[in-house]
């Protein structure tokens, strides 16, 4: 069954990522203990923490459509070059994504700018 699930994931015609946010959850717990109540304001005033959160997200697996979207040969190339595709223009959307997680939401969508590894 796992092979079938993996095939479906790999062949899905939309970009899909499997990510581990457990280290982001640890940051959230720390910030809550420090008295942070409004994550959006907190991160908007501390952009370095947005970057820290991004580095805490572990990419487990991406499908072929993600690789095609970013013009990556494989997941290793994509992960080694995330700094080329996730730029400052994406901070606002990423803050909203983190805010949704902070508030316990299990769904999130946004519109943002993506860059390929070649800068397109």
PDB file of N, CA and C in Angstrom:
ATOM      1  N   UNK A   1       0.821  -1.197   0.000  1.00  0.00           N
ATOM      2  CA  UNK A   1       0.000   0.000   0.000  1.00  0.00           C
ATOM      3  C   UNK A   1       0.868   1.266   0.000  1.00  0.00           C
ATOM      4  N   UNK A   2       1.973   1.230   0.755  1.00  0.00           N
ATOM      5  CA  UNK A   2       2.844   2.404   0.813  1.00  0.00           C
ATOM      6  C   UNK A   2       3.392   2.749  -0.568  1.00  0.00           C
ATOM      7  N   UNK A   3       3.718   1.734  -1.367  1.00  0.00           N
ATOM      8  CA  UNK A   3       4.214   1.972  -2.721  1.00  0.00           C
ATOM      9  C   UNK A   3       3.155   2.652  -3.569  1.00  0.00           C
ATOM     10  N   UNK A   4       1.907   2.215  -3.434  1.00  0.00           N
ATOM     11  CA  UNK A   4       0.808   2.834  -4.170  1.00  0.00           C
ATOM     12  C   UNK A   4       0.636   4.280  -3.728  1.00  0.00           C
ATOM     13  N   UNK A   5       0.643   4.513  -2.417  1.00  0.00           N
ATOM     14  CA  UNK A   5       0.523   5.881  -1.907  1.00  0.00           C
ATOM     15  C   UNK A   5       1.660   6.755  -2.421  1.00  0.00           C
ATOM     16  N   UNK A   6       2.867   6.209  -2.445  1.00  0.00           N
ATOM     17  CA  UNK A   6       4.024   6.957  -2.929  1.00  0.00           C
ATOM     18  C   UNK A   6       3.880   7.277  -4.409  1.00  0.00           C
ATOM     19  N   UNK A   7       3.384   6.322  -5.179  1.00  0.00           N
ATOM     20  CA  UNK A   7       3.183   6.555  -6.614  1.00  0.00           C
ATOM     21  C   UNK A   7       2.150   7.638  -6.851  1.00  0.00           C
ATOM     22  N   UNK A   8       1.064   7.597  -6.098  1.00  0.00           N
ATOM     23  CA  UNK A   8       0.023   8.620  -6.232  1.00  0.00           C
ATOM     24  C   UNK A   8       0.604   9.988  -5.900  1.00  0.00           C
ATOM     25  N   UNK A   9       1.367  10.076  -4.823  1.00  0.00           N
ATOM     26  CA  UNK A   9       2.001  11.335  -4.431  1.00  0.00           C
ATOM     27  C   UNK A   9       2.911  11.838  -5.545  1.00  0.00           C
ATOM     28  N   UNK A  10       3.762  10.969  -6.046  1.00  0.00           N
ATOM     29  CA  UNK A  10       4.734  11.366  -7.069  1.00  0.00           C
ATOM     30  C   UNK A  10       4.076  11.788  -8.373  1.00  0.00           C
ATOM     31  N   UNK A  11       2.954  11.181  -8.705  1.00  0.00           N
ATOM     32  CA  UNK A  11       2.301  11.443  -9.988  1.00  0.00           C
ATOM     33  C   UNK A  11       1.193  12.491  -9.923  1.00  0.00           C
ATOM     34  N   UNK A  12       0.890  12.982  -8.742  1.00  0.00           N
ATOM     35  CA  UNK A  12      -0.149  14.000  -8.607  1.00  0.00           C
ATOM     36  C   UNK A  12       0.223  15.216  -9.451  1.00  0.00           C
ATOM     37  N   UNK A  13      -0.739  15.760 -10.208  1.00  0.00           N
ATOM     38  CA  UNK A  13      -0.418  16.856 -11.143  1.00  0.00           C
ATOM     39  C   UNK A  13      -0.325  18.240 -10.506  1.00  0.00           C
ATOM     40  N   UNK A  14      -0.228  18.300  -9.184  1.00  0.00           N
ATOM     41  CA  UNK A  14      -0.035  19.579  -8.500  1.00  0.00           C
ATOM     42  C   UNK A  14       1.197  19.465  -7.601  1.00  0.00           C
ATOM     43  N   UNK A  15       1.912  20.565  -7.379  1.00  0.00           N
ATOM     44  CA  UNK A  15       3.088  20.515  -6.507  1.00  0.00           C
ATOM     45  C   UNK A  15       2.686  20.186  -5.067  1.00  0.00           C
ATOM     46  N   UNK A  16       3.336  19.192  -4.487  1.00  0.00           N
ATOM     47  CA  UNK A  16       3.046  18.791  -3.112  1.00  0.00           C
ATOM     48  C   UNK A  16       4.345  18.590  -2.337  1.00  0.00           C
ATOM     49  N   UNK A  17       4.325  19.053  -1.099  1.00  0.00           N
ATOM     50  CA  UNK A  17       5.471  18.930  -0.204  1.00  0.00           C
ATOM     51  C   UNK A  17       5.021  18.167   1.037  1.00  0.00           C
ATOM     52  N   UNK A  18       5.866  17.301   1.561  1.00  0.00           N
ATOM     53  CA  UNK A  18       5.670  16.725   2.889  1.00  0.00           C
ATOM     54  C   UNK A  18       6.749  17.353   3.758  1.00  0.00           C
ATOM     55  N   UNK A  19       6.307  18.062   4.801  1.00  0.00           N
ATOM     56  CA  UNK A  19       7.241  18.817   5.637  1.00  0.00           C
ATOM     57  C   UNK A  19       7.008  18.505   7.109  1.00  0.00           C
ATOM     58  N   UNK A  20       8.058  18.607   7.887  1.00  0.00           N
ATOM     59  CA  UNK A  20       8.017  18.393   9.328  1.00  0.00           C
ATOM     60  C   UNK A  20       8.200  19.753  10.005  1.00  0.00           C
ATOM     61  N   UNK A  21       7.173  20.188  10.730  1.00  0.00           N
ATOM     62  CA  UNK A  21       7.193  21.483  11.406  1.00  0.00           C
ATOM     63  C   UNK A  21       7.454  21.344  12.908  1.00  0.00           C
ATOM     64  N   UNK A  22       7.935  20.195  13.354  1.00  0.00           N
ATOM     65  CA  UNK A  22       8.076  19.975  14.798  1.00  0.00           C
ATOM     66  C   UNK A  22       9.041  20.967  15.450  1.00  0.00           C
ATOM     67  N   UNK A  23      10.098  21.360  14.761  1.00  0.00           N
ATOM     68  CA  UNK A  23      11.023  22.342  15.347  1.00  0.00           C
ATOM     69  C   UNK A  23      10.408  23.738  15.374  1.00  0.00           C
ATOM     70  N   UNK A  24       9.521  24.032  14.438  1.00  0.00           N
ATOM     71  CA  UNK A  24       8.786  25.303  14.469  1.00  0.00           C
ATOM     72  C   UNK A  24       7.863  25.302  15.681  1.00  0.00           C
ATOM     73  N   UNK A  25       7.241  24.167  15.958  1.00  0.00           N
ATOM     74  CA  UNK A  25       6.360  24.041  17.132  1.00  0.00           C
ATOM     75  C   UNK A  25       7.146  24.324  18.406  1.00  0.00           C
ATOM     76  N   UNK A  26       8.386  23.863  18.470  1.00  0.00           N
ATOM     77  CA  UNK A  26       9.224  24.141  19.639  1.00  0.00           C
ATOM     78  C   UNK A  26       9.466  25.644  19.793  1.00  0.00           C
ATOM     79  N   UNK A  27       9.705  26.335  18.674  1.00  0.00           N
ATOM     80  CA  UNK A  27       9.857  27.794  18.727  1.00  0.00           C
ATOM     81  C   UNK A  27       8.567  28.448  19.212  1.00  0.00           C
ATOM     82  N   UNK A  28       7.439  27.991  18.676  1.00  0.00           N
ATOM     83  CA  UNK A  28       6.147  28.541  19.091  1.00  0.00           C
ATOM     84  C   UNK A  28       5.964  28.387  20.603  1.00  0.00           C
ATOM     85  N   UNK A  29       6.282  27.214  21.130  1.00  0.00           N
ATOM     86  CA  UNK A  29       6.147  26.978  22.570  1.00  0.00           C
ATOM     87  C   UNK A  29       7.030  27.940  23.357  1.00  0.00           C
ATOM     88  N   UNK A  30       8.253  28.142  22.893  1.00  0.00           N
ATOM     89  CA  UNK A  30       9.173  29.072  23.549  1.00  0.00           C
ATOM     90  C   UNK A  30       8.604  30.484  23.538  1.00  0.00           C
ATOM     91  N   UNK A  31       8.132  30.923  22.369  1.00  0.00           N
ATOM     92  CA  UNK A  31       7.607  32.281  22.254  1.00  0.00           C
ATOM     93  C   UNK A  31       6.344  32.471  23.089  1.00  0.00           C
ATOM     94  N   UNK A  32       5.496  31.473  23.138  1.00  0.00           N
ATOM     95  CA  UNK A  32       4.294  31.571  23.984  1.00  0.00           C
ATOM     96  C   UNK A  32       4.702  31.711  25.450  1.00  0.00           C
ATOM     97  N   UNK A  33       5.700  30.925  25.864  1.00  0.00           N
ATOM     98  CA  UNK A  33       6.193  31.006  27.243  1.00  0.00           C
ATOM     99  C   UNK A  33       6.822  32.363  27.541  1.00  0.00           C
ATOM    100  N   UNK A  34       7.316  33.034  26.502  1.00  0.00           N
ATOM    101  CA  UNK A  34       7.898  34.368  26.666  1.00  0.00           C
ATOM    102  C   UNK A  34       6.842  35.468  26.581  1.00  0.00           C
ATOM    103  N   UNK A  35       5.583  35.088  26.369  1.00  0.00           N
ATOM    104  CA  UNK A  35       4.498  36.056  26.369  1.00  0.00           C
ATOM    105  C   UNK A  35       4.029  36.550  25.012  1.00  0.00           C
ATOM    106  N   UNK A  36       4.527  35.970  23.932  1.00  0.00           N
ATOM    107  CA  UNK A  36       4.068  36.384  22.603  1.00  0.00           C
ATOM    108  C   UNK A  36       2.613  35.959  22.441  1.00  0.00           C
ATOM    109  N   UNK A  37       1.763  36.908  22.063  1.00  0.00           N
ATOM    110  CA  UNK A  37       0.346  36.606  21.846  1.00  0.00           C
ATOM    111  C   UNK A  37      -0.049  36.771  20.390  1.00  0.00           C
ATOM    112  N   UNK A  38       0.521  37.759  19.715  1.00  0.00           N
ATOM    113  CA  UNK A  38       0.176  38.022  18.319  1.00  0.00           C
ATOM    114  C   UNK A  38       1.389  37.683  17.452  1.00  0.00           C
ATOM    115  N   UNK A  39       1.374  36.488  16.878  1.00  0.00           N
ATOM    116  CA  UNK A  39       2.529  36.039  16.103  1.00  0.00           C
ATOM    117  C   UNK A  39       2.762  36.901  14.875  1.00  0.00           C
ATOM    118  N   UNK A  40       1.688  37.344  14.236  1.00  0.00           N
ATOM    119  CA  UNK A  40       1.845  38.165  13.032  1.00  0.00           C
ATOM    120  C   UNK A  40       2.654  39.425  13.350  1.00  0.00           C
ATOM    121  N   UNK A  41       2.267  40.146  14.388  1.00  0.00           N
ATOM    122  CA  UNK A  41       3.004  41.361  14.779  1.00  0.00           C
ATOM    123  C   UNK A  41       4.440  41.027  15.172  1.00  0.00           C
ATOM    124  N   UNK A  42       4.591  39.963  15.947  1.00  0.00           N
ATOM    125  CA  UNK A  42       5.909  39.551  16.432  1.00  0.00           C
ATOM    126  C   UNK A  42       6.857  39.268  15.272  1.00  0.00           C
ATOM    127  N   UNK A  43       6.403  38.484  14.289  1.00  0.00           N
ATOM    128  CA  UNK A  43       7.262  38.140  13.160  1.00  0.00           C
ATOM    129  C   UNK A  43       7.446  39.310  12.203  1.00  0.00           C
ATOM    130  N   UNK A  44       6.428  40.136  12.054  1.00  0.00           N
ATOM    131  CA  UNK A  44       6.546  41.303  11.173  1.00  0.00           C
ATOM    132  C   UNK A  44       7.617  42.264  11.676  1.00  0.00           C
ATOM    133  N   UNK A  45       7.805  42.301  12.983  1.00  0.00           N
ATOM    134  CA  UNK A  45       8.805  43.185  13.580  1.00  0.00           C
ATOM    135  C   UNK A  45      10.170  42.509  13.734  1.00  0.00           C
ATOM    136  N   UNK A  46      10.227  41.207  13.456  1.00  0.00           N
ATOM    137  CA  UNK A  46      11.465  40.439  13.624  1.00  0.00           C
ATOM    138  C   UNK A  46      11.655  39.507  12.431  1.00  0.00           C
ATOM    139  N   UNK A  47      11.978  40.079  11.273  1.00  0.00           N
ATOM    140  CA  UNK A  47      12.066  39.269  10.054  1.00  0.00           C
ATOM    141  C   UNK A  47      13.120  38.173  10.147  1.00  0.00           C
ATOM    142  N   UNK A  48      14.136  38.371  10.969  1.00  0.00           N
ATOM    143  CA  UNK A  48      15.139  37.317  11.135  1.00  0.00           C
ATOM    144  C   UNK A  48      14.515  36.050  11.712  1.00  0.00           C
ATOM    145  N   UNK A  49      13.439  36.206  12.477  1.00  0.00           N
ATOM    146  CA  UNK A  49      12.763  35.038  13.038  1.00  0.00           C
ATOM    147  C   UNK A  49      11.936  34.302  11.986  1.00  0.00           C
ATOM    148  N   UNK A  50      11.492  35.016  10.952  1.00  0.00           N
ATOM    149  CA  UNK A  50      10.808  34.371   9.830  1.00  0.00           C
ATOM    150  C   UNK A  50      11.793  33.435   9.134  1.00  0.00           C
ATOM    151  N   UNK A  51      13.003  33.914   8.946  1.00  0.00           N
ATOM    152  CA  UNK A  51      14.055  33.098   8.328  1.00  0.00           C
ATOM    153  C   UNK A  51      14.385  31.908   9.228  1.00  0.00           C
ATOM    154  N   UNK A  52      14.466  32.152  10.529  1.00  0.00           N
ATOM    155  CA  UNK A  52      14.750  31.058  11.463  1.00  0.00           C
ATOM    156  C   UNK A  52      13.670  29.984  11.379  1.00  0.00           C
ATOM    157  N   UNK A  53      12.415  30.401  11.317  1.00  0.00           N
ATOM    158  CA  UNK A  53      11.319  29.433  11.175  1.00  0.00           C
ATOM    159  C   UNK A  53      11.469  28.632   9.889  1.00  0.00           C
ATOM    160  N   UNK A  54      11.784  29.311   8.808  1.00  0.00           N
ATOM    161  CA  UNK A  54      11.942  28.621   7.521  1.00  0.00           C
ATOM    162  C   UNK A  54      13.042  27.563   7.605  1.00  0.00           C
ATOM    163  N   UNK A  55      14.115  27.875   8.305  1.00  0.00           N
ATOM    164  CA  UNK A  55      15.212  26.911   8.441  1.00  0.00           C
ATOM    165  C   UNK A  55      14.834  25.733   9.331  1.00  0.00           C
ATOM    166  N   UNK A  56      13.850  25.912  10.190  1.00  0.00           N
ATOM    167  CA  UNK A  56      13.418  24.839  11.092  1.00  0.00           C
ATOM    168  C   UNK A  56      12.487  23.840  10.406  1.00  0.00           C
ATOM    169  N   UNK A  57      11.935  24.207   9.264  1.00  0.00           N
ATOM    170  CA  UNK A  57      11.024  23.309   8.547  1.00  0.00           C
ATOM    171  C   UNK A  57      11.857  22.268   7.807  1.00  0.00           C
ATOM    172  N   UNK A  58      11.600  21.016   8.108  1.00  0.00           N
ATOM    173  CA  UNK A  58      12.328  19.920   7.462  1.00  0.00           C
ATOM    174  C   UNK A  58      11.512  19.408   6.275  1.00  0.00           C
ATOM    175  N   UNK A  59      12.119  19.401   5.115  1.00  0.00           N
ATOM    176  CA  UNK A  59      11.453  18.885   3.919  1.00  0.00           C
ATOM    177  C   UNK A  59      11.685  17.379   3.870  1.00  0.00           C
ATOM    178  N   UNK A  60      10.593  16.636   3.978  1.00  0.00           N
ATOM    179  CA  UNK A  60      10.664  15.177   3.963  1.00  0.00           C
ATOM    180  C   UNK A  60      10.651  14.662   2.529  1.00  0.00           C
ATOM    181  N   UNK A  61       9.721  15.181   1.740  1.00  0.00           N
ATOM    182  CA  UNK A  61       9.584  14.706   0.367  1.00  0.00           C
ATOM    183  C   UNK A  61       8.831  15.743  -0.453  1.00  0.00           C
ATOM    184  N   UNK A  62       9.196  15.857  -1.711  1.00  0.00           N
ATOM    185  CA  UNK A  62       8.450  16.678  -2.670  1.00  0.00           C
ATOM    186  C   UNK A  62       8.128  15.792  -3.870  1.00  0.00           C
ATOM    187  N   UNK A  63       7.072  16.153  -4.586  1.00  0.00           N
ATOM    188  CA  UNK A  63       6.755  15.359  -5.777  1.00  0.00           C
ATOM    189  C   UNK A  63       7.394  15.981  -7.021  1.00  0.00           C
ATOM    190  N   UNK A  64       7.231  15.307  -8.133  1.00  0.00           N
ATOM    191  CA  UNK A  64       7.864  15.742  -9.385  1.00  0.00           C
ATOM    192  C   UNK A  64       7.396  17.128  -9.809  1.00  0.00           C
ATOM    193  N   UNK A  65       6.140  17.463  -9.535  1.00  0.00           N
ATOM    194  CA  UNK A  65       5.627  18.781  -9.936  1.00  0.00           C
ATOM    195  C   UNK A  65       6.353  19.902  -9.200  1.00  0.00           C
ATOM    196  N   UNK A  66       6.767  19.676  -7.967  1.00  0.00           N
ATOM    197  CA  UNK A  66       7.568  20.674  -7.245  1.00  0.00           C
ATOM    198  C   UNK A  66       8.910  20.845  -7.950  1.00  0.00           C
ATOM    199  N   UNK A  67       9.534  19.741  -8.282  1.00  0.00           N
ATOM    200  CA  UNK A  67      10.829  19.809  -8.973  1.00  0.00           C
ATOM    201  C   UNK A  67      10.693  20.526 -10.306  1.00  0.00           C
ATOM    202  N   UNK A  68       9.612  20.238 -11.035  1.00  0.00           N
ATOM    203  CA  UNK A  68       9.373  20.916 -12.314  1.00  0.00           C
ATOM    204  C   UNK A  68       9.158  22.415 -12.111  1.00  0.00           C
ATOM    205  N   UNK A  69       8.354  22.771 -11.109  1.00  0.00           N
ATOM    206  CA  UNK A  69       8.034  24.171 -10.836  1.00  0.00           C
ATOM    207  C   UNK A  69       9.294  24.993 -10.578  1.00  0.00           C
ATOM    208  N   UNK A  70      10.200  24.436  -9.801  1.00  0.00           N
ATOM    209  CA  UNK A  70      11.405  25.169  -9.416  1.00  0.00           C
ATOM    210  C   UNK A  70      12.616  24.835 -10.290  1.00  0.00           C
ATOM    211  N   UNK A  71      12.403  24.012 -11.307  1.00  0.00           N
ATOM    212  CA  UNK A  71      13.461  23.607 -12.234  1.00  0.00           C
ATOM    213  C   UNK A  71      14.631  22.946 -11.510  1.00  0.00           C
ATOM    214  N   UNK A  72      14.291  22.063 -10.578  1.00  0.00           N
ATOM    215  CA  UNK A  72      15.310  21.324  -9.832  1.00  0.00           C
ATOM    216  C   UNK A  72      15.437  19.910 -10.399  1.00  0.00           C
ATOM    217  N   UNK A  73      16.654  19.405 -10.422  1.00  0.00           N
ATOM    218  CA  UNK A  73      16.887  18.045 -10.928  1.00  0.00           C
ATOM    219  C   UNK A  73      16.354  16.994  -9.967  1.00  0.00           C
ATOM    220  N   UNK A  74      16.468  17.298  -8.666  1.00  0.00           N
ATOM    221  CA  UNK A  74      16.028  16.345  -7.648  1.00  0.00           C
ATOM    222  C   UNK A  74      15.800  17.100  -6.339  1.00  0.00           C
ATOM    223  N   UNK A  75      15.318  16.384  -5.343  1.00  0.00           N
ATOM    224  CA  UNK A  75      15.011  17.014  -4.062  1.00  0.00           C
ATOM    225  C   UNK A  75      16.268  17.557  -3.389  1.00  0.00           C
ATOM    226  N   UNK A  76      17.374  16.875  -3.538  1.00  0.00           N
ATOM    227  CA  UNK A  76      18.618  17.332  -2.917  1.00  0.00           C
ATOM    228  C   UNK A  76      19.038  18.690  -3.475  1.00  0.00           C
ATOM    229  N   UNK A  77      18.944  18.846  -4.791  1.00  0.00           N
ATOM    230  CA  UNK A  77      19.293  20.133  -5.403  1.00  0.00           C
ATOM    231  C   UNK A  77      18.341  21.224  -4.923  1.00  0.00           C
ATOM    232  N   UNK A  78      17.067  20.908  -4.854  1.00  0.00           N
ATOM    233  CA  UNK A  78      16.078  21.877  -4.379  1.00  0.00           C
ATOM    234  C   UNK A  78      16.407  22.321  -2.954  1.00  0.00           C
ATOM    235  N   UNK A  79      16.605  21.353  -2.064  1.00  0.00           N
ATOM    236  CA  UNK A  79      16.855  21.673  -0.656  1.00  0.00           C
ATOM    237  C   UNK A  79      18.161  22.431  -0.447  1.00  0.00           C
ATOM    238  N   UNK A  80      19.147  22.156  -1.270  1.00  0.00           N
ATOM    239  CA  UNK A  80      20.442  22.839  -1.143  1.00  0.00           C
ATOM    240  C   UNK A  80      20.384  24.280  -1.632  1.00  0.00           C
ATOM    241  N   UNK A  81      19.315  24.635  -2.336  1.00  0.00           N
ATOM    242  CA  UNK A  81      19.226  25.969  -2.936  1.00  0.00           C
ATOM    243  C   UNK A  81      17.948  26.713  -2.569  1.00  0.00           C
ATOM    244  N   UNK A  82      17.387  26.425  -1.417  1.00  0.00           N
ATOM    245  CA  UNK A  82      16.143  27.084  -1.017  1.00  0.00           C
ATOM    246  C   UNK A  82      16.292  28.596  -0.948  1.00  0.00           C
ATOM    247  N   UNK A  83      17.495  29.069  -0.646  1.00  0.00           N
ATOM    248  CA  UNK A  83      17.723  30.516  -0.583  1.00  0.00           C
ATOM    249  C   UNK A  83      17.514  31.193  -1.934  1.00  0.00           C
ATOM    250  N   UNK A  84      17.590  30.439  -3.019  1.00  0.00           N
ATOM    251  CA  UNK A  84      17.379  31.009  -4.353  1.00  0.00           C
ATOM    252  C   UNK A  84      15.907  31.125  -4.714  1.00  0.00           C
ATOM    253  N   UNK A  85      15.067  30.339  -4.055  1.00  0.00           N
ATOM    254  CA  UNK A  85      13.652  30.345  -4.430  1.00  0.00           C
ATOM    255  C   UNK A  85      12.755  31.018  -3.405  1.00  0.00           C
ATOM    256  N   UNK A  86      13.162  31.023  -2.146  1.00  0.00           N
ATOM    257  CA  UNK A  86      12.354  31.677  -1.123  1.00  0.00           C
ATOM    258  C   UNK A  86      13.008  33.003  -0.761  1.00  0.00           C
ATOM    259  N   UNK A  87      12.439  34.047  -1.289  1.00  0.00           N
ATOM    260  CA  UNK A  87      13.021  35.378  -1.129  1.00  0.00           C
ATOM    261  C   UNK A  87      12.107  36.260  -0.285  1.00  0.00           C
ATOM    262  N   UNK A  88      12.571  37.468  -0.036  1.00  0.00           N
ATOM    263  CA  UNK A  88      11.869  38.401   0.845  1.00  0.00           C
ATOM    264  C   UNK A  88      10.424  38.651   0.417  1.00  0.00           C
ATOM    265  N   UNK A  89      10.148  38.589  -0.885  1.00  0.00           N
ATOM    266  CA  UNK A  89       8.783  38.820  -1.367  1.00  0.00           C
ATOM    267  C   UNK A  89       7.804  37.786  -0.816  1.00  0.00           C
ATOM    268  N   UNK A  90       8.321  36.677  -0.326  1.00  0.00           N
ATOM    269  CA  UNK A  90       7.471  35.607   0.187  1.00  0.00           C
ATOM    270  C   UNK A  90       7.247  35.706   1.695  1.00  0.00           C
ATOM    271  N   UNK A  91       7.930  36.632   2.368  1.00  0.00           N
ATOM    272  CA  UNK A  91       7.837  36.720   3.822  1.00  0.00           C
ATOM    273  C   UNK A  91       6.399  36.893   4.298  1.00  0.00           C
ATOM    274  N   UNK A  92       5.660  37.778   3.664  1.00  0.00           N
ATOM    275  CA  UNK A  92       4.293  38.061   4.107  1.00  0.00           C
ATOM    276  C   UNK A  92       3.442  36.791   4.084  1.00  0.00           C
ATOM    277  N   UNK A  93       3.500  36.062   2.994  1.00  0.00           N
ATOM    278  CA  UNK A  93       2.730  34.814   2.890  1.00  0.00           C
ATOM    279  C   UNK A  93       3.220  33.795   3.916  1.00  0.00           C
ATOM    280  N   UNK A  94       4.530  33.734   4.127  1.00  0.00           N
ATOM    281  CA  UNK A  94       5.074  32.777   5.092  1.00  0.00           C
ATOM    282  C   UNK A  94       4.646  33.144   6.514  1.00  0.00           C
ATOM    283  N   UNK A  95       4.619  34.424   6.827  1.00  0.00           N
ATOM    284  CA  UNK A  95       4.150  34.849   8.149  1.00  0.00           C
ATOM    285  C   UNK A  95       2.695  34.433   8.341  1.00  0.00           C
ATOM    286  N   UNK A  96       1.876  34.600   7.321  1.00  0.00           N
ATOM    287  CA  UNK A  96       0.470  34.188   7.427  1.00  0.00           C
ATOM    288  C   UNK A  96       0.348  32.674   7.592  1.00  0.00           C
ATOM    289  N   UNK A  97       1.208  31.926   6.913  1.00  0.00           N
ATOM    290  CA  UNK A  97       1.211  30.468   7.074  1.00  0.00           C
ATOM    291  C   UNK A  97       1.564  30.098   8.511  1.00  0.00           C
ATOM    292  N   UNK A  98       2.603  30.714   9.041  1.00  0.00           N
ATOM    293  CA  UNK A  98       3.014  30.446  10.416  1.00  0.00           C
ATOM    294  C   UNK A  98       1.935  30.869  11.406  1.00  0.00           C
ATOM    295  N   UNK A  99       1.286  31.984  11.124  1.00  0.00           N
ATOM    296  CA  UNK A  99       0.197  32.463  11.978  1.00  0.00           C
ATOM    297  C   UNK A  99      -0.949  31.446  12.004  1.00  0.00           C
ATOM    298  N   UNK A 100      -1.273  30.872  10.857  1.00  0.00           N
ATOM    299  CA  UNK A 100      -2.332  29.858  10.803  1.00  0.00           C
ATOM    300  C   UNK A 100      -1.961  28.662  11.679  1.00  0.00           C
ATOM    301  N   UNK A 101      -0.719  28.211  11.593  1.00  0.00           N
ATOM    302  CA  UNK A 101      -0.262  27.103  12.437  1.00  0.00           C
ATOM    303  C   UNK A 101      -0.315  27.483  13.913  1.00  0.00           C
ATOM    304  N   UNK A 102       0.138  28.677  14.221  1.00  0.00           N
ATOM    305  CA  UNK A 102       0.132  29.199  15.591  1.00  0.00           C
ATOM    306  C   UNK A 102      -1.280  29.142  16.177  1.00  0.00           C
ATOM    307  N   UNK A 103      -2.257  29.465  15.333  1.00  0.00           N
ATOM    308  CA  UNK A 103      -3.652  29.499  15.772  1.00  0.00           C
ATOM    309  C   UNK A 103      -4.352  28.148  15.656  1.00  0.00           C
ATOM    310  N   UNK A 104      -3.594  27.094  15.347  1.00  0.00           N
ATOM    311  CA  UNK A 104      -4.145  25.747  15.332  1.00  0.00           C
ATOM    312  C   UNK A 104      -4.905  25.364  14.075  1.00  0.00           C
ATOM    313  N   UNK A 105      -4.784  26.165  13.047  1.00  0.00           N
ATOM    314  CA  UNK A 105      -5.486  25.847  11.799  1.00  0.00           C
ATOM    315  C   UNK A 105      -4.755  24.716  11.072  1.00  0.00           C
ATOM    316  N   UNK A 106      -5.533  23.894  10.401  1.00  0.00           N
ATOM    317  CA  UNK A 106      -4.951  22.774   9.660  1.00  0.00           C
ATOM    318  C   UNK A 106      -4.983  23.009   8.156  1.00  0.00           C
ATOM    319  N   UNK A 107      -5.544  24.135   7.731  1.00  0.00           N
ATOM    320  CA  UNK A 107      -5.595  24.474   6.309  1.00  0.00           C
ATOM    321  C   UNK A 107      -5.080  25.895   6.117  1.00  0.00           C
ATOM    322  N   UNK A 108      -4.384  26.091   5.020  1.00  0.00           N
ATOM    323  CA  UNK A 108      -3.875  27.422   4.701  1.00  0.00           C
ATOM    324  C   UNK A 108      -3.664  27.500   3.203  1.00  0.00           C
ATOM    325  N   UNK A 109      -4.002  28.629   2.620  1.00  0.00           N
ATOM    326  CA  UNK A 109      -3.685  28.859   1.209  1.00  0.00           C
ATOM    327  C   UNK A 109      -3.304  30.317   1.034  1.00  0.00           C
ATOM    328  N   UNK A 110      -2.481  30.568   0.031  1.00  0.00           N
ATOM    329  CA  UNK A 110      -2.063  31.936  -0.251  1.00  0.00           C
ATOM    330  C   UNK A 110      -1.620  32.029  -1.701  1.00  0.00           C
ATOM    331  N   UNK A 111      -1.449  33.245  -2.129  1.00  0.00           N
ATOM    332  CA  UNK A 111      -0.884  33.515  -3.441  1.00  0.00           C
ATOM    333  C   UNK A 111       0.433  34.233  -3.204  1.00  0.00           C
ATOM    334  N   UNK A 112       1.465  33.767  -3.854  1.00  0.00           N
ATOM    335  CA  UNK A 112       2.773  34.365  -3.640  1.00  0.00           C
ATOM    336  C   UNK A 112       3.611  34.248  -4.912  1.00  0.00           C
ATOM    337  N   UNK A 113       4.755  34.861  -4.889  1.00  0.00           N
ATOM    338  CA  UNK A 113       5.694  34.803  -6.011  1.00  0.00           C
ATOM    339  C   UNK A 113       6.662  33.653  -5.758  1.00  0.00           C
ATOM    340  N   UNK A 114       6.876  32.834  -6.758  1.00  0.00           N
ATOM    341  CA  UNK A 114       7.880  31.771  -6.684  1.00  0.00           C
ATOM    342  C   UNK A 114       8.971  32.048  -7.702  1.00  0.00           C
ATOM    343  N   UNK A 115      10.179  31.666  -7.370  1.00  0.00           N
ATOM    344  CA  UNK A 115      11.314  31.772  -8.280  1.00  0.00           C
ATOM    345  C   UNK A 115      11.868  30.383  -8.554  1.00  0.00           C
ATOM    346  N   UNK A 116      12.335  30.168  -9.764  1.00  0.00           N
ATOM    347  CA  UNK A 116      13.006  28.914 -10.084  1.00  0.00           C
ATOM    348  C   UNK A 116      14.456  28.999  -9.615  1.00  0.00           C
ATOM    349  N   UNK A 117      15.141  27.890  -9.659  1.00  0.00           N
ATOM    350  CA  UNK A 117      16.558  27.898  -9.280  1.00  0.00           C
ATOM    351  C   UNK A 117      17.387  28.780 -10.198  1.00  0.00           C
ATOM    352  N   UNK A 118      16.909  28.985 -11.419  1.00  0.00           N
ATOM    353  CA  UNK A 118      17.631  29.855 -12.353  1.00  0.00           C
ATOM    354  C   UNK A 118      17.214  31.319 -12.233  1.00  0.00           C
ATOM    355  N   UNK A 119      16.312  31.631 -11.287  1.00  0.00           N
ATOM    356  CA  UNK A 119      15.923  33.019 -11.046  1.00  0.00           C
ATOM    357  C   UNK A 119      14.729  33.506 -11.821  1.00  0.00           C
ATOM    358  N   UNK A 120      14.100  32.652 -12.592  1.00  0.00           N
ATOM    359  CA  UNK A 120      12.908  33.056 -13.362  1.00  0.00           C
ATOM    360  C   UNK A 120      11.709  33.191 -12.456  1.00  0.00           C
TER     361      UNK A 120
END
